[in-house]
Amino acid sequence: QAYPGFDEWGYGYRDKEGTYFHEARACGSGEPYGKGDVIGCLIWVPPEFLASTKAELLMKGGLKEEYDACESRFLAEGRETQCDVMDLHTTVAGSQLVFYKNGHTCGTAFW
């Protein structure tokens, strides 16, 4: 187990300095926070991404080989679930992750 932002799948917002983390590296900062503060997180994904089907997205993005490799990994692991777009760890152009402290934005942390 690790703290949020330790690996490529997570993003974190640390309390002491308000530092953002991704892949165990500091990636900028917002505001420090502490006891009594309420932290929120907004993940914004462009509507065209949400409207796309998995196959359309993969073919438009030229990720067919990556998708096929992911499917093979699922089969090798004996998993029944098919590979999902998120398993490919693609970055969606125009997406953003914004943290909030007590209802006020701390700015865009990742885009």
Foldseek 3Di string as FASTA:
>chain_A
DDDAQCEQLGWDAAAPARFIHHVRDTQDGFHHDDPPKDKDKDKDADPVVVPDDQVVVCVVVVNVVLQVVQQVVCVVVVHPDHDGPVNSVDDHPPIFMWMDINRHTRDTRGD
